[in-house]
PDB file of all heavy atoms in Angstrom:
ATOM      1  N   LEU A   1     -12.082  23.719   6.834  1.00  0.00           N
ATOM      2  CA  LEU A   1     -12.729  25.060   6.863  1.00  0.00           C
ATOM      3  C   LEU A   1     -11.816  26.034   7.597  1.00  0.00           C
ATOM      4  O   LEU A   1     -10.902  25.596   8.433  1.00  0.00           O
ATOM      5  CB  LEU A   1     -14.003  24.948   7.706  1.00  0.00           C
ATOM      6  CG  LEU A   1     -15.120  24.054   7.039  1.00  0.00           C
ATOM      7  CD1 LEU A   1     -16.400  24.115   7.931  1.00  0.00           C
ATOM      8  CD2 LEU A   1     -15.481  24.640   5.692  1.00  0.00           C
ATOM      9  N   GLU A   2     -11.985  27.298   7.401  1.00  0.00           N
ATOM     10  CA  GLU A   2     -11.149  28.340   8.064  1.00  0.00           C
ATOM     11  C   GLU A   2     -11.309  28.253   9.585  1.00  0.00           C
ATOM     12  O   GLU A   2     -10.336  28.664  10.273  1.00  0.00           O
ATOM     13  CB  GLU A   2     -11.489  29.708   7.531  1.00  0.00           C
ATOM     14  CG  GLU A   2     -11.126  29.969   6.102  1.00  0.00           C
ATOM     15  CD  GLU A   2     -11.593  31.264   5.590  1.00  0.00           C
ATOM     16  OE1 GLU A   2     -11.978  32.110   6.428  1.00  0.00           O
ATOM     17  OE2 GLU A   2     -11.527  31.591   4.347  1.00  0.00           O
ATOM     18  N   THR A   3     -12.376  27.903  10.112  1.00  0.00           N
ATOM     19  CA  THR A   3     -12.704  27.940  11.538  1.00  0.00           C
ATOM     20  C   THR A   3     -11.889  26.803  12.218  1.00  0.00           C
ATOM     21  O   THR A   3     -11.701  26.890  13.481  1.00  0.00           O
ATOM     22  CB  THR A   3     -14.126  27.786  11.869  1.00  0.00           C
ATOM     23  OG1 THR A   3     -14.652  26.561  11.274  1.00  0.00           O
ATOM     24  CG2 THR A   3     -14.947  28.974  11.422  1.00  0.00           C
ATOM     25  N   SER A   4     -11.443  25.899  11.500  1.00  0.00           N
ATOM     26  CA  SER A   4     -10.628  24.763  12.074  1.00  0.00           C
ATOM     27  C   SER A   4      -9.224  25.327  12.335  1.00  0.00           C
ATOM     28  O   SER A   4      -8.689  26.194  11.619  1.00  0.00           O
ATOM     29  CB  SER A   4     -10.536  23.623  11.112  1.00  0.00           C
ATOM     30  OG  SER A   4      -9.652  22.632  11.575  1.00  0.00           O
ATOM     31  N   GLY A   5      -8.602  24.862  13.403  1.00  0.00           N
ATOM     32  CA  GLY A   5      -7.254  25.278  13.739  1.00  0.00           C
ATOM     33  C   GLY A   5      -6.206  24.539  12.967  1.00  0.00           C
ATOM     34  O   GLY A   5      -5.027  24.655  13.273  1.00  0.00           O
ATOM     35  N   LEU A   6      -6.566  23.688  12.040  1.00  0.00           N
ATOM     36  CA  LEU A   6      -5.677  22.822  11.330  1.00  0.00           C
ATOM     37  C   LEU A   6      -5.418  23.282   9.909  1.00  0.00           C
ATOM     38  O   LEU A   6      -6.295  23.910   9.311  1.00  0.00           O
ATOM     39  CB  LEU A   6      -6.196  21.437  11.288  1.00  0.00           C
ATOM     40  CG  LEU A   6      -6.493  20.698  12.603  1.00  0.00           C
ATOM     41  CD1 LEU A   6      -7.222  19.372  12.266  1.00  0.00           C
ATOM     42  CD2 LEU A   6      -5.267  20.436  13.359  1.00  0.00           C
ATOM     43  N   THR A   7      -4.252  22.943   9.350  1.00  0.00           N
ATOM     44  CA  THR A   7      -4.029  23.072   7.940  1.00  0.00           C
ATOM     45  C   THR A   7      -4.465  21.791   7.239  1.00  0.00           C
ATOM     46  O   THR A   7      -4.692  20.760   7.878  1.00  0.00           O
ATOM     47  CB  THR A   7      -2.509  23.323   7.616  1.00  0.00           C
ATOM     48  OG1 THR A   7      -1.810  22.151   7.981  1.00  0.00           O
ATOM     49  CG2 THR A   7      -2.014  24.530   8.354  1.00  0.00           C
ATOM     50  N   ALA A   8      -4.513  21.868   5.889  1.00  0.00           N
ATOM     51  CA  ALA A   8      -4.932  20.679   5.120  1.00  0.00           C
ATOM     52  C   ALA A   8      -3.997  19.529   5.394  1.00  0.00           C
ATOM     53  O   ALA A   8      -4.400  18.327   5.535  1.00  0.00           O
ATOM     54  CB  ALA A   8      -5.097  20.981   3.707  1.00  0.00           C
ATOM     55  N   ARG A   9      -2.695  19.825   5.419  1.00  0.00           N
ATOM     56  CA  ARG A   9      -1.675  18.804   5.671  1.00  0.00           C
ATOM     57  C   ARG A   9      -1.807  18.141   6.987  1.00  0.00           C
ATOM     58  O   ARG A   9      -1.685  16.935   7.125  1.00  0.00           O
ATOM     59  CB  ARG A   9      -0.212  19.412   5.497  1.00  0.00           C
ATOM     60  CG  ARG A   9       0.854  18.530   5.893  1.00  0.00           C
ATOM     61  CD  ARG A   9       1.202  17.493   4.790  1.00  0.00           C
ATOM     62  NE  ARG A   9       1.548  18.100   3.577  1.00  0.00           N
ATOM     63  CZ  ARG A   9       1.551  17.502   2.412  1.00  0.00           C
ATOM     64  NH1 ARG A   9       1.373  16.158   2.408  1.00  0.00           N
ATOM     65  NH2 ARG A   9       1.789  18.027   1.324  1.00  0.00           N
ATOM     66  N   GLU A  10      -2.062  18.953   8.028  1.00  0.00           N
ATOM     67  CA  GLU A  10      -2.191  18.390   9.403  1.00  0.00           C
ATOM     68  C   GLU A  10      -3.406  17.521   9.539  1.00  0.00           C
ATOM     69  O   GLU A  10      -3.368  16.466  10.084  1.00  0.00           O
ATOM     70  CB  GLU A  10      -2.315  19.568  10.447  1.00  0.00           C
ATOM     71  CG  GLU A  10      -0.991  20.336  10.608  1.00  0.00           C
ATOM     72  CD  GLU A  10      -1.215  21.667  11.412  1.00  0.00           C
ATOM     73  OE1 GLU A  10      -2.378  22.025  11.543  1.00  0.00           O
ATOM     74  OE2 GLU A  10      -0.181  22.149  11.842  1.00  0.00           O
ATOM     75  N   ALA A  11      -4.528  17.957   8.966  1.00  0.00           N
ATOM     76  CA  ALA A  11      -5.734  17.229   8.985  1.00  0.00           C
ATOM     77  C   ALA A  11      -5.569  15.874   8.208  1.00  0.00           C
ATOM     78  O   ALA A  11      -5.962  14.807   8.688  1.00  0.00           O
ATOM     79  CB  ALA A  11      -6.897  17.927   8.357  1.00  0.00           C
ATOM     80  N   SER A  12      -4.948  16.040   6.986  1.00  0.00           N
ATOM     81  CA  SER A  12      -4.696  14.722   6.204  1.00  0.00           C
ATOM     82  C   SER A  12      -3.835  13.739   7.007  1.00  0.00           C
ATOM     83  O   SER A  12      -4.078  12.567   7.050  1.00  0.00           O
ATOM     84  CB  SER A  12      -4.105  15.135   4.932  1.00  0.00           C
ATOM     85  OG  SER A  12      -3.764  14.058   4.178  1.00  0.00           O
ATOM     86  N   ASP A  13      -2.749  14.233   7.583  1.00  0.00           N
ATOM     87  CA  ASP A  13      -1.845  13.400   8.343  1.00  0.00           C
ATOM     88  C   ASP A  13      -2.555  12.721   9.475  1.00  0.00           C
ATOM     89  O   ASP A  13      -2.315  11.508   9.788  1.00  0.00           O
ATOM     90  CB  ASP A  13      -0.590  14.211   8.810  1.00  0.00           C
ATOM     91  CG  ASP A  13       0.304  14.556   7.689  1.00  0.00           C
ATOM     92  OD1 ASP A  13       0.170  14.017   6.569  1.00  0.00           O
ATOM     93  OD2 ASP A  13       1.213  15.472   7.867  1.00  0.00           O
ATOM     94  N   GLU A  14      -3.350  13.428  10.228  1.00  0.00           N
ATOM     95  CA  GLU A  14      -4.076  12.948  11.431  1.00  0.00           C
ATOM     96  C   GLU A  14      -5.024  11.838  10.953  1.00  0.00           C
ATOM     97  O   GLU A  14      -5.125  10.715  11.563  1.00  0.00           O
ATOM     98  CB  GLU A  14      -4.841  13.951  12.171  1.00  0.00           C
ATOM     99  CG  GLU A  14      -4.003  14.805  13.045  1.00  0.00           C
ATOM    100  CD  GLU A  14      -4.824  15.752  13.899  1.00  0.00           C
ATOM    101  OE1 GLU A  14      -5.865  15.306  14.469  1.00  0.00           O
ATOM    102  OE2 GLU A  14      -4.463  16.913  14.019  1.00  0.00           O
ATOM    103  N   ILE A  15      -5.828  12.063   9.925  1.00  0.00           N
ATOM    104  CA  ILE A  15      -6.751  11.137   9.377  1.00  0.00           C
ATOM    105  C   ILE A  15      -6.056   9.861   8.853  1.00  0.00           C
ATOM    106  O   ILE A  15      -6.460   8.796   9.153  1.00  0.00           O
ATOM    107  CB  ILE A  15      -7.608  11.681   8.253  1.00  0.00           C
ATOM    108  CG1 ILE A  15      -8.559  12.809   8.879  1.00  0.00           C
ATOM    109  CG2 ILE A  15      -8.587  10.698   7.578  1.00  0.00           C
ATOM    110  CD1 ILE A  15      -9.259  13.719   7.874  1.00  0.00           C
ATOM    111  N   CYS A  16      -4.965  10.058   8.142  1.00  0.00           N
ATOM    112  CA  CYS A  16      -4.206   8.919   7.548  1.00  0.00           C
ATOM    113  C   CYS A  16      -3.583   8.051   8.678  1.00  0.00           C
ATOM    114  O   CYS A  16      -3.661   6.835   8.570  1.00  0.00           O
ATOM    115  CB  CYS A  16      -3.156   9.417   6.627  1.00  0.00           C
ATOM    116  SG  CYS A  16      -3.798  10.045   5.063  1.00  0.00           S
ATOM    117  N   ALA A  17      -3.077   8.720   9.683  1.00  0.00           N
ATOM    118  CA  ALA A  17      -2.494   7.960  10.786  1.00  0.00           C
ATOM    119  C   ALA A  17      -3.524   7.152  11.565  1.00  0.00           C
ATOM    120  O   ALA A  17      -3.340   5.969  11.976  1.00  0.00           O
ATOM    121  CB  ALA A  17      -1.761   8.895  11.762  1.00  0.00           C
ATOM    122  N   ALA A  18      -4.717   7.725  11.728  1.00  0.00           N
ATOM    123  CA  ALA A  18      -5.807   7.012  12.455  1.00  0.00           C
ATOM    124  C   ALA A  18      -6.443   5.901  11.694  1.00  0.00           C
ATOM    125  O   ALA A  18      -6.825   4.905  12.263  1.00  0.00           O
ATOM    126  CB  ALA A  18      -6.864   8.051  12.844  1.00  0.00           C
ATOM    127  N   LEU A  19      -6.449   6.020  10.376  1.00  0.00           N
ATOM    128  CA  LEU A  19      -7.187   4.951   9.562  1.00  0.00           C
ATOM    129  C   LEU A  19      -6.309   4.087   8.731  1.00  0.00           C
ATOM    130  O   LEU A  19      -6.801   3.239   7.998  1.00  0.00           O
ATOM    131  CB  LEU A  19      -8.159   5.779   8.670  1.00  0.00           C
ATOM    132  CG  LEU A  19      -9.187   6.600   9.341  1.00  0.00           C
ATOM    133  CD1 LEU A  19     -10.199   7.263   8.278  1.00  0.00           C
ATOM    134  CD2 LEU A  19      -9.987   5.834  10.322  1.00  0.00           C
ATOM    135  N   GLY A  20      -5.064   4.350   8.696  1.00  0.00           N
ATOM    136  CA  GLY A  20      -4.079   3.543   7.829  1.00  0.00           C
ATOM    137  C   GLY A  20      -4.238   3.885   6.411  1.00  0.00           C
ATOM    138  O   GLY A  20      -4.081   3.014   5.527  1.00  0.00           O
ATOM    139  N   ALA A  21      -4.632   5.083   6.066  1.00  0.00           N
ATOM    140  CA  ALA A  21      -4.729   5.579   4.721  1.00  0.00           C
ATOM    141  C   ALA A  21      -3.435   6.266   4.266  1.00  0.00           C
ATOM    142  O   ALA A  21      -2.562   6.397   5.047  1.00  0.00           O
ATOM    143  CB  ALA A  21      -5.961   6.540   4.585  1.00  0.00           C
ATOM    144  N   GLU A  22      -3.395   6.605   2.989  1.00  0.00           N
ATOM    145  CA  GLU A  22      -2.254   7.315   2.528  1.00  0.00           C
ATOM    146  C   GLU A  22      -2.668   8.726   1.959  1.00  0.00           C
ATOM    147  O   GLU A  22      -3.724   8.827   1.269  1.00  0.00           O
ATOM    148  CB  GLU A  22      -1.608   6.531   1.325  1.00  0.00           C
ATOM    149  CG  GLU A  22      -0.869   5.314   1.773  1.00  0.00           C
ATOM    150  CD  GLU A  22       0.061   4.799   0.801  1.00  0.00           C
ATOM    151  OE1 GLU A  22       0.823   5.553   0.216  1.00  0.00           O
ATOM    152  OE2 GLU A  22       0.073   3.639   0.571  1.00  0.00           O
ATOM    153  N   GLY A  23      -1.848   9.697   2.200  1.00  0.00           N
ATOM    154  CA  GLY A  23      -2.158  10.995   1.756  1.00  0.00           C
ATOM    155  C   GLY A  23      -1.679  11.165   0.239  1.00  0.00           C
ATOM    156  O   GLY A  23      -0.525  10.813  -0.025  1.00  0.00           O
ATOM    157  N   ILE A  24      -2.565  11.554  -0.674  1.00  0.00           N
ATOM    158  CA  ILE A  24      -2.250  11.635  -1.975  1.00  0.00           C
ATOM    159  C   ILE A  24      -1.752  13.013  -2.371  1.00  0.00           C
ATOM    160  O   ILE A  24      -0.784  13.275  -2.993  1.00  0.00           O
ATOM    161  CB  ILE A  24      -3.415  11.225  -2.882  1.00  0.00           C
ATOM    162  CG1 ILE A  24      -3.841   9.799  -2.614  1.00  0.00           C
ATOM    163  CG2 ILE A  24      -3.126  11.382  -4.371  1.00  0.00           C
ATOM    164  CD1 ILE A  24      -2.826   8.722  -2.883  1.00  0.00           C
ATOM    165  N   ALA A  25      -2.548  14.070  -1.917  1.00  0.00           N
ATOM    166  CA  ALA A  25      -2.201  15.435  -2.262  1.00  0.00           C
ATOM    167  C   ALA A  25      -2.803  16.393  -1.231  1.00  0.00           C
ATOM    168  O   ALA A  25      -3.881  16.136  -0.608  1.00  0.00           O
ATOM    169  CB  ALA A  25      -2.783  15.734  -3.663  1.00  0.00           C
ATOM    170  N   CYS A  26      -2.212  17.541  -1.064  1.00  0.00           N
ATOM    171  CA  CYS A  26      -2.672  18.661  -0.284  1.00  0.00           C
ATOM    172  C   CYS A  26      -2.424  19.933  -1.038  1.00  0.00           C
ATOM    173  O   CYS A  26      -1.253  20.322  -1.316  1.00  0.00           O
ATOM    174  CB  CYS A  26      -1.931  18.727   1.125  1.00  0.00           C
ATOM    175  SG  CYS A  26      -2.408  17.452   2.227  1.00  0.00           S
ATOM    176  N   VAL A  27      -3.477  20.659  -1.387  1.00  0.00           N
ATOM    177  CA  VAL A  27      -3.400  21.921  -2.096  1.00  0.00           C
ATOM    178  C   VAL A  27      -4.352  22.894  -1.517  1.00  0.00           C
ATOM    179  O   VAL A  27      -5.563  22.690  -1.426  1.00  0.00           O
ATOM    180  CB  VAL A  27      -3.664  21.756  -3.557  1.00  0.00           C
ATOM    181  CG1 VAL A  27      -3.605  23.077  -4.304  1.00  0.00           C
ATOM    182  CG2 VAL A  27      -2.836  20.733  -4.286  1.00  0.00           C
ATOM    183  N   GLY A  28      -3.738  23.996  -0.948  1.00  0.00           N
ATOM    184  CA  GLY A  28      -4.595  25.019  -0.295  1.00  0.00           C
ATOM    185  C   GLY A  28      -5.351  24.400   0.897  1.00  0.00           C
ATOM    186  O   GLY A  28      -4.697  23.895   1.788  1.00  0.00           O
ATOM    187  N   THR A  29      -6.680  24.474   0.868  1.00  0.00           N
ATOM    188  CA  THR A  29      -7.454  23.917   2.010  1.00  0.00           C
ATOM    189  C   THR A  29      -8.061  22.554   1.718  1.00  0.00           C
ATOM    190  O   THR A  29      -8.759  21.970   2.498  1.00  0.00           O
ATOM    191  CB  THR A  29      -8.648  24.870   2.292  1.00  0.00           C
ATOM    192  OG1 THR A  29      -9.456  24.956   1.136  1.00  0.00           O
ATOM    193  CG2 THR A  29      -8.211  26.240   2.684  1.00  0.00           C
ATOM    194  N   LYS A  30      -7.636  21.966   0.562  1.00  0.00           N
ATOM    195  CA  LYS A  30      -8.155  20.610   0.118  1.00  0.00           C
ATOM    196  C   LYS A  30      -7.041  19.597   0.241  1.00  0.00           C
ATOM    197  O   LYS A  30      -5.866  19.892   0.127  1.00  0.00           O
ATOM    198  CB  LYS A  30      -8.729  20.794  -1.304  1.00  0.00           C
ATOM    199  CG  LYS A  30      -9.898  21.640  -1.319  1.00  0.00           C
ATOM    200  CD  LYS A  30     -10.471  21.599  -2.693  1.00  0.00           C
ATOM    201  CE  LYS A  30     -11.746  22.582  -2.614  1.00  0.00           C
ATOM    202  NZ  LYS A  30     -12.110  23.058  -3.870  1.00  0.00           N
ATOM    203  N   PHE A  31      -7.533  18.355   0.531  1.00  0.00           N
ATOM    204  CA  PHE A  31      -6.615  17.285   0.533  1.00  0.00           C
ATOM    205  C   PHE A  31      -7.320  15.949  -0.019  1.00  0.00           C
ATOM    206  O   PHE A  31      -8.528  15.951  -0.078  1.00  0.00           O
ATOM    207  CB  PHE A  31      -6.184  17.010   2.002  1.00  0.00           C
ATOM    208  CG  PHE A  31      -7.321  16.669   2.976  1.00  0.00           C
ATOM    209  CD1 PHE A  31      -7.695  15.390   3.149  1.00  0.00           C
ATOM    210  CD2 PHE A  31      -8.006  17.660   3.619  1.00  0.00           C
ATOM    211  CE1 PHE A  31      -8.676  15.011   4.041  1.00  0.00           C
ATOM    212  CE2 PHE A  31      -8.978  17.388   4.548  1.00  0.00           C
ATOM    213  CZ  PHE A  31      -9.346  16.038   4.726  1.00  0.00           C
ATOM    214  N   VAL A  32      -6.460  15.013  -0.468  1.00  0.00           N
ATOM    215  CA  VAL A  32      -7.027  13.770  -0.995  1.00  0.00           C
ATOM    216  C   VAL A  32      -6.311  12.661  -0.279  1.00  0.00           C
ATOM    217  O   VAL A  32      -5.100  12.689  -0.095  1.00  0.00           O
ATOM    218  CB  VAL A  32      -6.695  13.710  -2.476  1.00  0.00           C
ATOM    219  CG1 VAL A  32      -7.163  12.371  -3.085  1.00  0.00           C
ATOM    220  CG2 VAL A  32      -7.274  14.882  -3.258  1.00  0.00           C
ATOM    221  N   ILE A  33      -7.140  11.594   0.152  1.00  0.00           N
ATOM    222  CA  ILE A  33      -6.592  10.441   0.792  1.00  0.00           C
ATOM    223  C   ILE A  33      -7.109   9.215   0.100  1.00  0.00           C
ATOM    224  O   ILE A  33      -8.096   9.271  -0.591  1.00  0.00           O
ATOM    225  CB  ILE A  33      -7.002  10.360   2.366  1.00  0.00           C
ATOM    226  CG1 ILE A  33      -8.490  10.479   2.527  1.00  0.00           C
ATOM    227  CG2 ILE A  33      -6.297  11.534   3.058  1.00  0.00           C
ATOM    228  CD1 ILE A  33      -8.918  10.287   3.985  1.00  0.00           C
ATOM    229  N   TRP A  34      -6.362   8.146   0.269  1.00  0.00           N
ATOM    230  CA  TRP A  34      -6.701   6.813  -0.337  1.00  0.00           C
ATOM    231  C   TRP A  34      -6.426   5.711   0.595  1.00  0.00           C
ATOM    232  O   TRP A  34      -5.413   5.727   1.359  1.00  0.00           O
ATOM    233  CB  TRP A  34      -5.891   6.675  -1.623  1.00  0.00           C
ATOM    234  CG  TRP A  34      -6.000   5.443  -2.345  1.00  0.00           C
ATOM    235  CD1 TRP A  34      -6.973   5.081  -3.294  1.00  0.00           C
ATOM    236  CD2 TRP A  34      -5.245   4.281  -2.217  1.00  0.00           C
ATOM    237  NE1 TRP A  34      -6.861   3.746  -3.667  1.00  0.00           N
ATOM    238  CE2 TRP A  34      -5.863   3.211  -3.025  1.00  0.00           C
ATOM    239  CE3 TRP A  34      -4.150   3.922  -1.425  1.00  0.00           C
ATOM    240  CZ2 TRP A  34      -5.305   1.946  -3.158  1.00  0.00           C
ATOM    241  CZ3 TRP A  34      -3.601   2.630  -1.553  1.00  0.00           C
ATOM    242  CH2 TRP A  34      -4.168   1.689  -2.395  1.00  0.00           C
ATOM    243  N   ARG A  35      -7.333   4.751   0.539  1.00  0.00           N
ATOM    244  CA  ARG A  35      -7.058   3.428   1.257  1.00  0.00           C
ATOM    245  C   ARG A  35      -7.698   2.325   0.457  1.00  0.00           C
ATOM    246  O   ARG A  35      -8.868   2.485  -0.038  1.00  0.00           O
ATOM    247  CB  ARG A  35      -7.742   3.597   2.665  1.00  0.00           C
ATOM    248  CG  ARG A  35      -7.390   2.304   3.488  1.00  0.00           C
ATOM    249  CD  ARG A  35      -7.849   2.369   4.847  1.00  0.00           C
ATOM    250  NE  ARG A  35      -9.291   2.152   4.815  1.00  0.00           N
ATOM    251  CZ  ARG A  35     -10.068   2.158   5.898  1.00  0.00           C
ATOM    252  NH1 ARG A  35      -9.575   2.415   7.097  1.00  0.00           N
ATOM    253  NH2 ARG A  35     -11.362   1.974   5.862  1.00  0.00           N
ATOM    254  N   LYS A  36      -7.092   1.214   0.282  1.00  0.00           N
ATOM    255  CA  LYS A  36      -7.576   0.053  -0.430  1.00  0.00           C
ATOM    256  C   LYS A  36      -8.794  -0.444   0.308  1.00  0.00           C
ATOM    257  O   LYS A  36      -8.872  -0.551   1.491  1.00  0.00           O
ATOM    258  CB  LYS A  36      -6.564  -0.996  -0.532  1.00  0.00           C
ATOM    259  CG  LYS A  36      -6.889  -2.093  -1.479  1.00  0.00           C
ATOM    260  CD  LYS A  36      -5.642  -2.902  -1.711  1.00  0.00           C
ATOM    261  CE  LYS A  36      -6.001  -3.991  -2.693  1.00  0.00           C
ATOM    262  NZ  LYS A  36      -6.263  -3.517  -4.115  1.00  0.00           N
TER     263      LYS A  36
END
């Protein structure tokens, strides 16, 4: 969301690092993550 101080890339990277997931894509304000 716009009220968040993060970009989609920053949020995706933080979530992936915390959960052991992989970032698939970041476009605009949306991101896609994957984990087996």
